[in-house]
Amino acid sequence: MAGFSSARVTGVVIRVGLTATVDLSLKPGPLQTEVTVTADAVQLELQSPAVGNVVTGRQMIELPLVGRNPYSLVTLAPGVVDRGNTGTGPLINGARSNSTSVMLDGAEQRNSTTNDLNYSPPLESVQEFRVVTNGLSAEFGRTGGGVITAATRSGTNAFHGSVYGYLRRDRFNANSWTNNRNSVARGKEDIKQYGFTLGGPVRKNRTFFFVNVERSKSLTPDNLIRTVPTLLQRAGDFSQTRTSAGQLITIYDPLTTQPNPAGGFIRNPFPGNVIPAARIDPIAKAILEYFPLPTNGNASQNFVHERTRTSTALPMVIRMDHSAGAHRLFGSFRQSNSEDDSPTVSVAFPDPGTNGEFGTRANDRLSSVLSDTTISSPRSDCASRAIISRPRLRRWGSISALWASAAPTPR
């Protein structure tokens, strides 16, 4: 500023979702003036009553993180509990998981119907994120819990980039307690995750770009452990069906229902706890033909089927920043295409997709934002954003035709 000496302030950190105030005291001096602000130290937040934690990009890269989902670190904030479902989000201060708002570059990432999370960015593309657990400001709406607000990385005047790869193999793992209990060998696991980042100037001091492309492929054990009918039970004989404490589980005849003098109704047990063969429905007999026999002698969880889940993913992030006079513009295009071959939960049809709900599942997610921040005066600015966020889920694999030909027509 003409007529004043230069001033230098250091130790100022600009965090996502926070406001930093810098007070400068200028003294009269020569006409040439230089004001330099550098950032590195944590500042006391005085502009907002919001309570929360900031997770930096360095923390995300250096902390051990299975699955490399940046939102897995939200539990570093007090009062936050991971629900274990990536589609809904964490629990913040006891609120429902679907009531947590998730923002990425100022754009809401939940859909407007079920409020599930549409998109999660790859870890290498996130600059930092903040978890707001209390004292939300008026800018956040449609939330009854907390807010997770993240910012993606952008280019600078210097080119920067990285190449990374992560590998997990079953040979490095111990067998699970469940597998050991059921005498099942350690399952096959082979997870590969690799990609690159690149950012830099298109035009110095004006236009910048950032790109992150990642590829992952995983084979993970997903053994099926269920309880199936024994040979005796298939014949209607439940004389050996007992609880874990050894108590006989009584089977009652529904045709003997009668009023109970003490209130309600009672039934007589089948003699010997055996259902007569003539009383077993033919449809039930036909269905039982598709169930496998037990693989062990346990009273429950007597069937173990070793299987592997296969999944692939290709997330991509492209961001452009541009400065034009009083306008600060950026556009970000984010896409994630994944495919998952999920084994069925049915022991009668253990192949992928044979219960009509699982099988091969393709999940294509799109999230884009275009932002313009206009600085109209030293005391005011205006931010406008256009947002597109869309998930597309496709599944295939059905047993409806198989059942139509295999099972008898109901009476």
Protein backbone atom coordinates (compact mmCIF):
# COMPACT_ATOMS: atom_id res chain seq x y z
CA MET A 1 0.00 0.00 0.00
CA ALA A 2 1.45 3.34 -1.07
CA GLY A 3 2.97 5.37 1.78
CA PHE A 4 3.30 2.46 4.21
CA SER A 5 6.09 0.06 5.02
CA SER A 6 5.95 -3.65 4.24
CA ALA A 7 4.41 -6.11 6.69
CA ARG A 8 4.94 -9.86 6.99
CA VAL A 9 2.72 -12.27 8.94
CA THR A 10 3.62 -15.97 9.25
CA GLY A 11 1.98 -18.99 10.85
CA VAL A 12 -1.49 -18.62 9.29
CA VAL A 13 -3.29 -21.81 8.24
CA ILE A 14 -6.29 -21.72 5.90
CA ARG A 15 -8.44 -24.77 6.71
CA VAL A 16 -11.41 -26.18 4.85
CA GLY A 17 -14.68 -24.80 6.21
CA LEU A 18 -12.93 -22.27 8.49
CA THR A 19 -12.36 -18.52 8.40
CA ALA A 20 -8.90 -17.09 9.09
CA THR A 21 -8.54 -13.45 10.19
CA VAL A 22 -5.22 -11.62 9.86
CA ASP A 23 -4.86 -8.17 11.46
CA LEU A 24 -2.04 -6.07 9.98
CA SER A 25 -0.63 -2.91 11.52
CA LEU A 26 1.00 -0.81 8.79
CA LYS A 27 3.41 2.01 9.57
CA PRO A 28 4.30 4.97 7.33
CA GLY A 29 7.20 4.15 5.05
CA PRO A 30 8.45 4.21 1.47
CA LEU A 31 6.12 3.82 -1.51
CA GLN A 32 7.12 0.21 -2.23
CA THR A 33 5.05 -2.22 -0.13
CA GLU A 34 5.08 -5.99 0.23
CA VAL A 35 2.65 -8.09 2.29
CA THR A 36 3.51 -11.80 2.63
CA VAL A 37 1.32 -14.41 4.33
CA THR A 38 2.60 -17.96 4.86
CA ALA A 39 0.73 -20.81 6.49
CA ASP A 40 1.82 -23.52 8.87
CA ALA A 41 0.57 -23.16 12.45
CA VAL A 42 -2.83 -23.99 13.92
CA GLN A 43 -4.99 -20.93 14.56
CA LEU A 44 -7.65 -20.33 17.18
CA GLU A 45 -11.06 -20.14 15.45
CA LEU A 46 -12.82 -16.92 16.47
CA GLN A 47 -15.23 -16.44 13.57
CA SER A 48 -17.56 -19.40 14.14
CA PRO A 49 -18.89 -21.35 17.16
CA ALA A 50 -18.66 -24.61 15.19
CA VAL A 51 -16.86 -27.48 16.92
CA GLY A 52 -14.94 -30.03 14.86
CA ASN A 53 -11.68 -31.61 13.76
CA VAL A 54 -9.58 -31.13 10.62
CA VAL A 55 -7.92 -34.18 9.04
CA THR A 56 -5.06 -33.12 6.77
CA GLY A 57 -3.82 -34.77 3.60
CA ARG A 58 -0.61 -35.72 5.38
CA GLN A 59 -2.57 -37.59 8.06
CA MET A 60 -4.56 -39.45 5.41
CA ILE A 61 -1.42 -40.61 3.62
CA GLU A 62 0.66 -41.48 6.70
CA LEU A 63 -1.96 -43.18 8.90
CA PRO A 64 -2.65 -46.90 8.25
CA LEU A 65 -5.94 -47.00 6.38
CA VAL A 66 -7.43 -50.30 5.19
CA GLY A 67 -9.39 -49.70 1.98
CA ARG A 68 -7.90 -46.19 1.57
CA ASN A 69 -11.24 -44.45 2.04
CA PRO A 70 -10.50 -40.95 3.43
CA TYR A 71 -13.84 -40.83 5.25
CA SER A 72 -12.70 -43.76 7.40
CA LEU A 73 -10.73 -41.20 9.45
CA VAL A 74 -13.82 -39.25 10.56
CA THR A 75 -13.71 -41.22 13.81
CA LEU A 76 -10.64 -39.17 14.83
CA ALA A 77 -13.15 -36.49 15.85
CA PRO A 78 -14.72 -36.83 19.33
CA GLY A 79 -18.33 -38.04 19.31
CA VAL A 80 -18.06 -39.78 15.92
CA VAL A 81 -18.68 -43.53 15.56
CA ASP A 82 -18.28 -45.50 12.35
CA ARG A 83 -21.47 -47.32 11.45
CA GLY A 84 -19.60 -49.75 9.21
CA ASN A 85 -21.75 -49.01 6.16
CA THR A 86 -20.06 -46.87 3.52
CA GLY A 87 -23.35 -45.98 1.92
CA THR A 88 -24.84 -44.13 4.86
CA GLY A 89 -22.04 -42.54 6.85
CA PRO A 90 -20.97 -42.28 10.50
CA LEU A 91 -22.96 -41.51 13.63
CA ILE A 92 -22.20 -38.04 15.00
CA ASN A 93 -23.19 -37.31 18.61
CA GLY A 94 -25.84 -40.04 18.54
CA ALA A 95 -27.71 -38.75 15.48
CA ARG A 96 -28.83 -41.12 12.72
CA SER A 97 -26.19 -41.94 10.12
CA ASN A 98 -28.33 -40.66 7.24
CA SER A 99 -28.63 -37.27 8.93
CA THR A 100 -24.92 -36.49 8.47
CA SER A 101 -24.28 -34.03 5.64
CA VAL A 102 -21.28 -34.81 3.40
CA MET A 103 -19.85 -31.93 1.33
CA LEU A 104 -17.08 -32.11 -1.29
CA ASP A 105 -15.81 -28.80 -2.69
CA GLY A 106 -19.00 -27.21 -1.36
CA ALA A 107 -21.26 -29.74 -3.11
CA GLU A 108 -23.62 -32.07 -1.25
CA GLN A 109 -22.77 -35.73 -1.92
CA ARG A 110 -25.96 -37.37 -0.68
CA ASN A 111 -29.00 -38.16 -2.81
CA SER A 112 -32.34 -36.51 -2.15
CA THR A 113 -34.35 -39.69 -1.54
CA THR A 114 -32.64 -42.21 0.77
CA ASN A 115 -29.91 -39.71 1.74
CA ASP A 116 -27.23 -42.30 1.01
CA LEU A 117 -23.72 -41.24 0.06
CA ASN A 118 -23.38 -40.97 -3.73
CA TYR A 119 -19.62 -40.57 -4.05
CA SER A 120 -16.42 -41.01 -2.04
CA PRO A 121 -13.24 -39.45 -3.51
CA PRO A 122 -9.95 -41.35 -3.84
CA LEU A 123 -7.64 -40.59 -0.94
CA GLU A 124 -4.83 -39.06 -3.04
CA SER A 125 -7.20 -36.41 -4.44
CA VAL A 126 -8.29 -34.99 -1.05
CA GLN A 127 -6.42 -31.99 0.33
CA GLU A 128 -8.11 -32.22 3.73
CA PHE A 129 -11.53 -32.52 5.31
CA ARG A 130 -13.25 -31.24 8.43
CA VAL A 131 -15.77 -32.96 10.66
CA VAL A 132 -18.17 -30.45 12.27
CA THR A 133 -19.86 -32.07 15.25
CA ASN A 134 -21.62 -29.12 16.89
CA GLY A 135 -22.52 -25.46 16.44
CA LEU A 136 -23.32 -25.67 12.72
CA SER A 137 -23.49 -22.36 10.86
CA ALA A 138 -26.43 -21.26 8.72
CA GLU A 139 -24.72 -22.36 5.49
CA PHE A 140 -25.42 -26.02 6.30
CA GLY A 141 -28.95 -27.29 5.85
CA ARG A 142 -30.75 -30.64 5.51
CA THR A 143 -28.83 -32.15 8.39
CA GLY A 144 -29.85 -33.23 11.85
CA GLY A 145 -26.40 -34.48 12.81
CA GLY A 146 -22.97 -33.22 11.85
CA VAL A 147 -21.22 -32.17 8.66
CA ILE A 148 -18.23 -33.63 6.83
CA THR A 149 -16.79 -31.06 4.43
CA ALA A 150 -13.81 -31.94 2.22
CA ALA A 151 -11.70 -30.10 -0.36
CA THR A 152 -9.92 -31.69 -3.32
CA ARG A 153 -6.37 -30.83 -4.28
CA SER A 154 -5.62 -28.23 -6.95
CA GLY A 155 -2.68 -27.34 -9.16
CA THR A 156 -0.05 -24.71 -8.33
CA ASN A 157 2.56 -22.67 -10.20
CA ALA A 158 4.95 -25.63 -9.91
CA PHE A 159 4.32 -29.05 -11.40
CA HIS A 160 3.87 -31.77 -8.80
CA GLY A 161 2.78 -35.37 -8.97
CA SER A 162 3.08 -38.84 -7.51
CA VAL A 163 2.90 -42.50 -8.49
CA TYR A 164 1.70 -44.96 -5.85
CA GLY A 165 0.80 -48.58 -5.39
CA TYR A 166 -0.53 -50.67 -2.50
CA LEU A 167 -0.60 -54.46 -2.22
CA ARG A 168 -2.25 -56.87 0.22
CA ARG A 169 -1.77 -60.64 -0.01
CA ASP A 170 -3.19 -63.53 1.99
CA ARG A 171 0.32 -64.85 2.73
CA PHE A 172 0.80 -61.89 5.08
CA ASN A 173 -2.43 -62.54 7.00
CA ALA A 174 -3.36 -64.84 9.85
CA ASN A 175 -6.43 -67.02 9.51
CA SER A 176 -9.64 -65.69 11.03
CA TRP A 177 -11.14 -67.02 14.26
CA THR A 178 -14.26 -68.15 12.39
CA ASN A 179 -12.23 -70.12 9.85
CA ASN A 180 -10.19 -71.79 12.58
CA ARG A 181 -13.36 -72.76 14.44
CA ASN A 182 -14.85 -74.36 11.31
CA SER A 183 -11.55 -75.95 10.15
CA VAL A 184 -11.46 -73.77 7.03
CA ALA A 185 -8.14 -72.80 5.47
CA ARG A 186 -7.10 -69.18 5.08
CA GLY A 187 -8.97 -67.74 2.10
CA LYS A 188 -7.38 -66.22 -0.97
CA GLU A 189 -6.82 -62.47 -0.76
CA ASP A 190 -5.11 -60.38 -3.41
CA ILE A 191 -5.73 -56.61 -3.35
CA LYS A 192 -3.92 -54.24 -5.70
CA GLN A 193 -4.40 -50.48 -5.72
CA TYR A 194 -2.28 -48.20 -7.88
CA GLY A 195 -2.54 -44.80 -9.55
CA PHE A 196 -0.98 -41.41 -10.14
CA THR A 197 -1.55 -37.71 -9.46
CA LEU A 198 -0.38 -34.75 -11.54
CA GLY A 199 -0.95 -31.04 -11.02
CA GLY A 200 0.52 -27.81 -12.30
CA PRO A 201 -0.05 -24.59 -14.21
CA VAL A 202 -1.76 -24.16 -17.55
CA ARG A 203 -0.96 -20.46 -17.30
CA LYS A 204 1.07 -19.31 -14.30
CA ASN A 205 -0.79 -17.31 -11.67
CA ARG A 206 -4.04 -17.75 -13.64
CA THR A 207 -5.01 -21.29 -14.60
CA PHE A 208 -4.14 -24.61 -12.93
CA PHE A 209 -5.03 -28.29 -13.32
CA PHE A 210 -5.00 -31.42 -11.15
CA VAL A 211 -5.62 -35.05 -12.18
CA ASN A 212 -5.87 -38.24 -10.13
CA VAL A 213 -6.51 -41.63 -11.77
CA GLU A 214 -6.59 -44.85 -9.78
CA ARG A 215 -7.15 -48.52 -10.52
CA SER A 216 -7.91 -51.27 -8.04
CA LYS A 217 -8.65 -54.97 -8.24
CA SER A 218 -9.31 -57.23 -5.30
CA LEU A 219 -9.95 -60.87 -4.54
CA THR A 220 -11.17 -61.29 -0.97
CA PRO A 221 -12.37 -64.35 0.97
CA ASP A 222 -16.11 -64.36 1.57
CA ASN A 223 -16.92 -67.78 3.00
CA LEU A 224 -20.54 -68.78 3.41
CA ILE A 225 -21.40 -70.24 6.83
CA ARG A 226 -25.04 -71.28 7.29
CA THR A 227 -27.27 -73.84 8.99
CA VAL A 228 -28.82 -76.44 6.64
CA PRO A 229 -31.21 -79.35 7.34
CA THR A 230 -29.64 -82.67 8.29
CA LEU A 231 -30.67 -85.98 6.71
CA LEU A 232 -32.93 -86.73 9.69
CA GLN A 233 -34.58 -83.30 9.52
CA ARG A 234 -35.21 -83.68 5.78
CA ALA A 235 -37.20 -86.84 6.60
CA GLY A 236 -39.18 -85.00 9.29
CA ASP A 237 -37.24 -86.53 12.19
CA PHE A 238 -36.38 -83.85 14.77
CA SER A 239 -35.70 -86.27 17.63
CA GLN A 240 -32.01 -85.25 17.62
CA THR A 241 -32.56 -81.50 17.18
CA ARG A 242 -31.42 -79.83 20.38
CA THR A 243 -30.33 -76.44 21.66
CA SER A 244 -26.71 -75.65 22.46
CA ALA A 245 -27.55 -76.57 26.07
CA GLY A 246 -28.71 -80.05 24.97
CA GLN A 247 -32.45 -79.42 25.42
CA LEU A 248 -34.77 -81.01 22.85
CA ILE A 249 -36.51 -78.52 20.51
CA THR A 250 -40.13 -79.68 20.48
CA ILE A 251 -42.03 -79.67 17.16
CA TYR A 252 -45.79 -79.09 17.60
CA ASP A 253 -48.59 -80.29 15.32
CA PRO A 254 -50.46 -77.24 13.92
CA LEU A 255 -53.60 -79.35 13.34
CA THR A 256 -54.02 -79.92 17.09
CA THR A 257 -54.47 -76.26 18.01
CA GLN A 258 -56.97 -75.89 20.89
CA PRO A 259 -57.94 -73.24 23.43
CA ASN A 260 -55.85 -73.10 26.58
CA PRO A 261 -57.99 -72.90 29.75
CA ALA A 262 -55.37 -70.53 31.15
CA GLY A 263 -55.70 -68.28 28.08
CA GLY A 264 -54.41 -68.38 24.53
CA PHE A 265 -53.95 -71.60 22.56
CA ILE A 266 -51.90 -74.78 22.87
CA ARG A 267 -50.80 -77.55 20.50
CA ASN A 268 -49.76 -81.17 20.95
CA PRO A 269 -46.21 -82.20 20.01
CA PHE A 270 -45.64 -84.72 17.22
CA PRO A 271 -45.13 -88.22 18.68
CA GLY A 272 -41.41 -88.84 19.09
CA ASN A 273 -40.80 -85.34 17.69
CA VAL A 274 -41.15 -86.83 14.19
CA ILE A 275 -43.36 -85.34 11.45
CA PRO A 276 -45.12 -88.12 9.47
CA ALA A 277 -43.93 -88.36 5.86
CA ALA A 278 -47.47 -87.83 4.59
CA ARG A 279 -47.62 -84.47 6.38
CA ILE A 280 -44.56 -83.00 4.64
CA ASP A 281 -45.58 -80.66 1.81
CA PRO A 282 -44.31 -81.72 -1.66
CA ILE A 283 -43.19 -78.16 -2.39
CA ALA A 284 -40.99 -78.26 0.72
CA LYS A 285 -39.58 -81.61 -0.41
CA ALA A 286 -38.73 -80.15 -3.84
CA ILE A 287 -37.00 -77.14 -2.30
CA LEU A 288 -34.97 -79.31 0.08
CA GLU A 289 -33.43 -81.10 -2.92
CA TYR A 290 -31.47 -77.93 -3.70
CA PHE A 291 -29.97 -77.55 -0.23
CA PRO A 292 -26.56 -79.13 0.35
CA LEU A 293 -25.83 -81.57 3.14
CA PRO A 294 -23.97 -80.40 6.28
CA THR A 295 -20.19 -80.26 6.10
CA ASN A 296 -19.72 -80.71 9.86
CA GLY A 297 -21.56 -82.06 12.88
CA ASN A 298 -22.34 -78.74 14.57
CA ALA A 299 -25.85 -78.21 15.87
CA SER A 300 -25.89 -74.87 14.04
CA GLN A 301 -23.69 -73.34 11.33
CA ASN A 302 -23.16 -76.84 10.03
CA PHE A 303 -22.43 -75.83 6.42
CA VAL A 304 -19.27 -74.02 5.26
CA HIS A 305 -18.70 -73.05 1.63
CA GLU A 306 -15.36 -71.49 0.68
CA ARG A 307 -15.68 -68.72 -1.90
CA THR A 308 -14.03 -65.52 -3.12
CA ARG A 309 -15.43 -62.08 -3.90
CA THR A 310 -14.03 -60.19 -6.90
CA SER A 311 -14.23 -56.42 -7.37
CA THR A 312 -12.64 -53.79 -9.61
CA ALA A 313 -12.77 -49.98 -9.47
CA LEU A 314 -11.58 -47.08 -11.61
CA PRO A 315 -11.98 -43.70 -9.82
CA MET A 316 -10.90 -40.49 -11.56
CA VAL A 317 -10.70 -36.82 -10.49
CA ILE A 318 -10.06 -33.86 -12.83
CA ARG A 319 -10.00 -30.30 -11.48
CA MET A 320 -9.37 -26.94 -13.18
CA ASP A 321 -8.87 -23.61 -11.36
CA HIS A 322 -8.88 -20.18 -13.01
CA SER A 323 -8.49 -16.62 -11.73
CA ALA A 324 -10.02 -13.82 -13.82
CA GLY A 325 -10.11 -10.41 -12.19
CA ALA A 326 -12.59 -10.47 -9.33
CA HIS A 327 -13.68 -14.02 -10.19
CA ARG A 328 -12.19 -17.23 -8.79
CA LEU A 329 -13.53 -20.15 -10.78
CA PHE A 330 -13.00 -23.89 -10.54
CA GLY A 331 -14.59 -26.94 -12.07
CA SER A 332 -14.19 -30.49 -10.81
CA PHE A 333 -15.23 -33.68 -12.59
CA ARG A 334 -15.21 -36.88 -10.54
CA GLN A 335 -16.22 -40.35 -11.61
CA SER A 336 -15.93 -43.83 -10.15
CA ASN A 337 -16.85 -47.01 -12.03
CA SER A 338 -16.78 -50.25 -10.09
CA GLU A 339 -17.91 -53.83 -10.61
CA ASP A 340 -18.45 -56.42 -7.92
CA ASP A 341 -19.08 -60.15 -8.34
CA SER A 342 -20.80 -60.99 -5.08
CA PRO A 343 -21.53 -64.61 -4.15
CA THR A 344 -25.10 -65.28 -3.16
CA VAL A 345 -26.30 -65.66 0.43
CA SER A 346 -28.34 -68.74 -0.52
CA VAL A 347 -26.85 -72.13 0.35
CA ALA A 348 -29.23 -73.78 -2.11
CA PHE A 349 -27.83 -71.75 -5.01
CA PRO A 350 -24.22 -70.83 -4.11
CA ASP A 351 -23.28 -69.43 -7.53
CA PRO A 352 -23.11 -65.64 -8.11
CA GLY A 353 -26.45 -64.02 -8.80
CA THR A 354 -28.66 -67.05 -8.28
CA ASN A 355 -30.88 -65.40 -5.70
CA GLY A 356 -31.69 -62.42 -7.94
CA GLU A 357 -30.34 -59.83 -5.50
CA PHE A 358 -26.59 -60.30 -5.59
CA GLY A 359 -24.49 -61.54 -8.50
CA THR A 360 -22.62 -59.07 -10.68
CA ARG A 361 -23.18 -55.50 -9.58
CA ALA A 362 -21.90 -52.43 -11.44
CA ASN A 363 -21.86 -49.09 -9.64
CA ASP A 364 -21.20 -45.97 -11.72
CA ARG A 365 -20.94 -42.77 -9.70
CA LEU A 366 -20.67 -39.22 -11.06
CA SER A 367 -20.00 -36.05 -9.07
CA SER A 368 -19.24 -32.68 -10.68
CA VAL A 369 -19.22 -29.10 -9.46
CA LEU A 370 -18.71 -25.71 -11.15
CA SER A 371 -17.99 -22.82 -8.77
CA ASP A 372 -17.58 -19.05 -9.18
CA THR A 373 -16.53 -16.89 -6.23
CA THR A 374 -16.78 -13.16 -6.92
CA ILE A 375 -14.97 -10.69 -4.66
CA SER A 376 -17.17 -7.60 -4.98
CA SER A 377 -15.48 -5.56 -2.25
CA PRO A 378 -12.95 -5.97 0.59
CA ARG A 379 -15.89 -6.80 2.87
CA SER A 380 -18.11 -8.97 0.70
CA ASP A 381 -18.00 -11.82 -1.77
CA CYS A 382 -20.51 -14.06 -3.52
CA ALA A 383 -20.12 -17.80 -4.19
CA SER A 384 -22.26 -19.63 -6.78
CA ARG A 385 -22.13 -23.36 -7.50
CA ALA A 386 -23.75 -25.76 -9.95
CA ILE A 387 -23.71 -29.39 -8.85
CA ILE A 388 -24.33 -32.77 -10.49
CA SER A 389 -24.22 -35.88 -8.31
CA ARG A 390 -25.63 -39.15 -9.60
CA PRO A 391 -25.19 -42.82 -8.74
CA ARG A 392 -26.17 -45.56 -11.18
CA LEU A 393 -26.50 -49.11 -9.88
CA ARG A 394 -26.92 -52.11 -12.19
CA ARG A 395 -27.34 -55.73 -11.14
CA TRP A 396 -27.84 -58.93 -13.08
CA GLY A 397 -28.37 -62.58 -12.17
CA SER A 398 -31.73 -64.13 -11.27
CA ILE A 399 -33.21 -67.49 -10.27
CA SER A 400 -36.81 -66.68 -11.24
CA ALA A 401 -36.62 -68.78 -14.43
CA LEU A 402 -34.81 -71.58 -12.59
CA TRP A 403 -37.47 -71.76 -9.90
CA ALA A 404 -40.26 -71.69 -12.49
CA SER A 405 -38.94 -74.88 -14.10
CA ALA A 406 -37.60 -76.65 -11.01
CA ALA A 407 -40.20 -76.09 -8.31
CA PRO A 408 -43.72 -77.54 -8.48
CA THR A 409 -46.71 -75.24 -8.90
CA PRO A 410 -48.22 -74.23 -5.53
CA ARG A 411 -51.58 -75.77 -4.79
